[in-house]
Amino acid sequence: MNLAQFFWQGDALARSVALLLLAMSVASWVAILWKTWLLRRASGDVARCIAAFWQSASVAEAVQKIRAFDRESLVLPLVLATRLETDQTLASTGDRAQQLTRVLRNALHAALAKLQHGQVLLATIGATAPFVGLLGTVWGIYHALIAIASAGQVTIDKISGPVGESLIMTAAGLVVAIPAVLAYNVLGRAVARLEAELEGFARDLRELGSTGALAH
């Protein structure tokens, strides 16, 4: 029996579980491929942007260089955030160090949100896919028991089909979940490394800005 026959021989619930697992698998692999591409590009961009900043003679020159490298807008918002407001709003209250802490924190949170995007999806799929497959397993065993009860005797042809369906559902749930869990862990380490670099750069900007060295 191929997968097409298995799908069409199942009832509405079995088909729904199969389609749900397929959708979860597609979403998982799209997120994995996209995040891998994004983090690889962002890792190189962040390193080049930070190096360009420290090698620049002025903040204006650094901004021009960073614009050419920062394709994901992770570093440039941190530098631009040091241009503090000078109006009479609450945002301009407090000393320079306090204002820098606030604006850099907000810019850093926005950058980290971009890096974390998609991680929740992978975690959710990795955690729930085995249970979705288990639902199909339980439903297949239930059909096997119904077939046995209606036949009045245990025969291999009555239980082989439903039990086979249940085993396929179990395997499908694991096949969907395992790549999502592995990708979540691997990509999570890459995200954490980029977060550490951005947080360190934000601290350097705050210390440098507190001395007035980042005057624009």
Protein backbone atom coordinates (compact mmCIF):
# COMPACT_ATOMS: atom_id res chain seq x y z
CA MET A 1 0.00 0.00 0.00
CA ASN A 2 1.48 3.35 -1.00
CA LEU A 3 0.88 6.62 0.81
CA ALA A 4 -1.88 7.74 -1.57
CA GLN A 5 -3.86 4.54 -0.95
CA PHE A 6 -3.27 4.86 2.77
CA PHE A 7 -4.56 8.43 2.72
CA TRP A 8 -7.73 7.74 0.75
CA GLN A 9 -8.62 4.58 2.65
CA GLY A 10 -8.60 6.44 5.95
CA ASP A 11 -11.63 8.19 7.39
CA ALA A 12 -12.05 11.94 7.87
CA LEU A 13 -10.10 12.06 11.14
CA ALA A 14 -7.20 10.03 9.77
CA ARG A 15 -7.01 12.29 6.71
CA SER A 16 -7.17 15.39 8.90
CA VAL A 17 -4.30 14.12 11.06
CA ALA A 18 -2.24 13.28 7.97
CA LEU A 19 -2.86 16.70 6.42
CA LEU A 20 -2.04 18.43 9.70
CA LEU A 21 1.26 16.57 9.98
CA LEU A 22 2.05 17.44 6.36
CA ALA A 23 1.32 21.12 7.00
CA MET A 24 3.47 21.06 10.14
CA SER A 25 6.32 19.43 8.24
CA VAL A 26 6.17 21.98 5.42
CA ALA A 27 6.02 24.89 7.88
CA SER A 28 8.92 23.43 9.85
CA TRP A 29 11.19 23.02 6.84
CA VAL A 30 10.32 26.46 5.49
CA ALA A 31 11.24 27.96 8.87
CA ILE A 32 14.44 25.88 9.08
CA LEU A 33 15.68 26.88 5.62
CA TRP A 34 14.71 30.51 6.05
CA LYS A 35 16.26 30.80 9.53
CA THR A 36 19.46 29.09 8.39
CA TRP A 37 19.81 31.55 5.51
CA LEU A 38 18.90 34.53 7.70
CA LEU A 39 21.26 33.71 10.55
CA ARG A 40 24.17 32.91 8.25
CA ARG A 41 23.74 36.25 6.49
CA ALA A 42 23.14 38.14 9.74
CA SER A 43 26.22 36.64 11.37
CA GLY A 44 28.48 37.97 8.65
CA ASP A 45 26.70 41.33 8.51
CA VAL A 46 26.93 41.93 12.26
CA ALA A 47 30.64 41.14 12.32
CA ARG A 48 31.33 43.47 9.38
CA CYS A 49 29.15 46.25 10.80
CA ILE A 50 30.80 46.22 14.22
CA ALA A 51 34.27 46.14 12.66
CA ALA A 52 33.33 49.02 10.33
CA PHE A 53 32.04 51.08 13.25
CA TRP A 54 35.25 50.83 15.25
CA GLN A 55 37.39 51.49 12.19
CA SER A 56 35.52 54.68 11.29
CA ALA A 57 36.79 58.15 12.08
CA SER A 58 33.36 59.48 13.04
CA VAL A 59 29.83 58.31 13.74
CA ALA A 60 28.61 59.78 10.45
CA GLU A 61 31.21 57.78 8.54
CA ALA A 62 30.32 54.66 10.54
CA VAL A 63 26.63 55.07 9.69
CA GLN A 64 27.40 55.24 5.97
CA LYS A 65 29.52 52.09 6.13
CA ILE A 66 27.00 50.19 8.23
CA ARG A 67 24.16 51.00 5.82
CA ALA A 68 26.01 49.05 3.14
CA PHE A 69 26.49 45.97 5.31
CA ASP A 70 23.47 45.79 7.63
CA ARG A 71 20.95 44.08 5.35
CA GLU A 72 18.77 42.91 8.26
CA SER A 73 18.92 46.25 10.14
CA LEU A 74 20.34 44.75 13.30
CA VAL A 75 23.26 47.09 14.03
CA LEU A 76 22.26 50.39 12.39
CA PRO A 77 19.26 51.00 14.72
CA LEU A 78 21.60 50.72 17.70
CA VAL A 79 23.91 53.39 16.32
CA LEU A 80 21.06 55.67 15.27
CA ALA A 81 19.45 55.28 18.70
CA THR A 82 22.35 57.21 20.23
CA ARG A 83 20.98 60.35 18.57
CA LEU A 84 19.09 61.40 21.65
CA GLU A 85 16.03 63.62 21.59
CA THR A 86 16.51 67.16 22.86
CA ASP A 87 12.85 68.21 23.13
CA GLN A 88 10.89 68.72 26.33
CA THR A 89 9.21 65.30 26.41
CA LEU A 90 9.65 62.64 29.06
CA ALA A 91 11.90 60.75 26.63
CA SER A 92 14.53 63.45 27.04
CA THR A 93 14.44 63.52 30.84
CA GLY A 94 17.23 62.08 32.95
CA ASP A 95 20.93 62.22 32.37
CA ARG A 96 22.60 61.06 29.15
CA ALA A 97 23.46 57.61 30.50
CA GLN A 98 19.84 56.92 31.44
CA GLN A 99 18.56 58.07 28.05
CA LEU A 100 21.13 55.92 26.25
CA THR A 101 20.16 52.91 28.34
CA ARG A 102 16.50 53.31 27.39
CA VAL A 103 16.91 53.91 23.67
CA LEU A 104 19.56 51.22 23.24
CA ARG A 105 17.43 48.72 25.15
CA ASN A 106 14.47 49.39 22.86
CA ALA A 107 16.59 49.11 19.71
CA LEU A 108 18.22 45.93 21.02
CA HIS A 109 14.87 44.33 21.80
CA ALA A 110 13.67 45.05 18.26
CA ALA A 111 16.81 43.45 16.79
CA LEU A 112 16.51 40.39 19.04
CA ALA A 113 12.86 39.97 18.06
CA LYS A 114 13.95 39.65 14.42
CA LEU A 115 16.50 36.99 15.33
CA GLN A 116 14.02 35.04 17.47
CA HIS A 117 11.30 35.05 14.81
CA GLY A 118 10.38 31.48 13.85
CA GLN A 119 11.83 29.85 16.96
CA VAL A 120 8.43 29.56 18.61
CA LEU A 121 7.06 27.80 15.53
CA LEU A 122 9.85 25.21 15.60
CA ALA A 123 9.42 24.66 19.33
CA THR A 124 5.66 24.25 18.96
CA ILE A 125 5.95 21.77 16.10
CA GLY A 126 8.65 19.80 17.88
CA ALA A 127 6.52 19.56 21.02
CA THR A 128 3.12 18.82 19.46
CA ALA A 129 3.84 16.71 16.35
CA PRO A 130 4.38 13.45 18.32
CA PHE A 131 1.03 13.93 20.03
CA VAL A 132 -0.72 14.62 16.73
CA GLY A 133 0.77 11.38 15.43
CA LEU A 134 -0.32 9.68 18.65
CA LEU A 135 -3.89 10.78 17.96
CA GLY A 136 -3.74 8.96 14.63
CA THR A 137 -2.25 5.95 16.42
CA VAL A 138 -5.05 5.79 18.95
CA TRP A 139 -7.64 6.19 16.20
CA GLY A 140 -6.09 3.35 14.19
CA ILE A 141 -6.07 1.02 17.19
CA TYR A 142 -9.67 1.96 17.88
CA HIS A 143 -10.60 0.90 14.33
CA ALA A 144 -8.74 -2.37 14.83
CA LEU A 145 -10.74 -3.09 17.96
CA ILE A 146 -14.00 -2.22 16.21
CA ALA A 147 -13.09 -4.58 13.34
CA ILE A 148 -12.34 -7.38 15.79
CA ALA A 149 -15.62 -6.82 17.63
CA SER A 150 -17.67 -6.79 14.46
CA ALA A 151 -15.96 -9.91 13.10
CA GLY A 152 -16.35 -11.82 16.37
CA GLN A 153 -12.89 -13.31 16.03
CA VAL A 154 -9.33 -12.14 15.73
CA THR A 155 -7.96 -12.41 12.20
CA ILE A 156 -4.82 -10.85 10.85
CA ASP A 157 -6.59 -9.21 7.92
CA LYS A 158 -8.97 -7.41 10.29
CA ILE A 159 -6.24 -5.81 12.40
CA SER A 160 -3.32 -5.45 10.02
CA GLY A 161 -4.77 -2.46 8.16
CA PRO A 162 -5.77 -0.31 11.16
CA VAL A 163 -2.64 -1.22 13.13
CA GLY A 164 -0.49 -0.44 10.11
CA GLU A 165 -2.17 2.96 9.85
CA SER A 166 -1.51 3.65 13.51
CA LEU A 167 2.17 2.76 13.19
CA ILE A 168 2.53 5.02 10.16
CA MET A 169 0.94 7.88 12.11
CA THR A 170 3.36 7.34 14.98
CA ALA A 171 6.34 7.37 12.64
CA ALA A 172 5.01 10.44 10.80
CA GLY A 173 4.71 12.37 14.05
CA LEU A 174 8.33 11.59 14.92
CA VAL A 175 9.56 12.41 11.42
CA VAL A 176 7.95 15.84 11.70
CA ALA A 177 9.07 16.51 15.28
CA ILE A 178 12.73 15.41 15.22
CA PRO A 179 13.98 17.90 12.56
CA ALA A 180 12.09 20.72 14.27
CA VAL A 181 13.64 19.95 17.66
CA LEU A 182 17.15 19.59 16.25
CA ALA A 183 16.83 22.80 14.24
CA TYR A 184 15.46 24.67 17.25
CA ASN A 185 18.52 23.73 19.30
CA VAL A 186 21.08 24.39 16.56
CA LEU A 187 19.54 27.65 15.41
CA GLY A 188 18.99 28.69 19.01
CA ARG A 189 22.74 28.56 19.61
CA ALA A 190 23.33 30.73 16.55
CA VAL A 191 20.72 33.21 17.77
CA ALA A 192 22.30 33.29 21.24
CA ARG A 193 25.72 34.00 19.74
CA LEU A 194 24.36 36.93 17.71
CA GLU A 195 22.44 38.21 20.73
CA ALA A 196 25.65 38.23 22.78
CA GLU A 197 27.47 40.19 20.06
CA LEU A 198 24.69 42.78 19.80
CA GLU A 199 24.35 43.12 23.58
CA GLY A 200 28.10 43.63 23.91
CA PHE A 201 28.07 46.26 21.16
CA ALA A 202 25.11 48.02 22.81
CA ARG A 203 27.01 48.15 26.12
CA ASP A 204 30.03 49.61 24.33
CA LEU A 205 27.84 52.24 22.69
CA ARG A 206 26.32 53.17 26.03
CA GLU A 207 29.69 53.55 27.71
CA LEU A 208 31.08 55.50 24.78
CA GLY A 209 27.97 57.67 24.53
CA SER A 210 27.94 58.42 28.24
CA THR A 211 31.27 60.23 27.84
CA GLY A 212 29.95 62.35 24.99
CA ALA A 213 32.21 60.67 22.43
CA LEU A 214 29.24 59.89 20.18
CA ALA A 215 28.20 63.49 19.66
CA HIS A 216 26.74 63.79 16.16
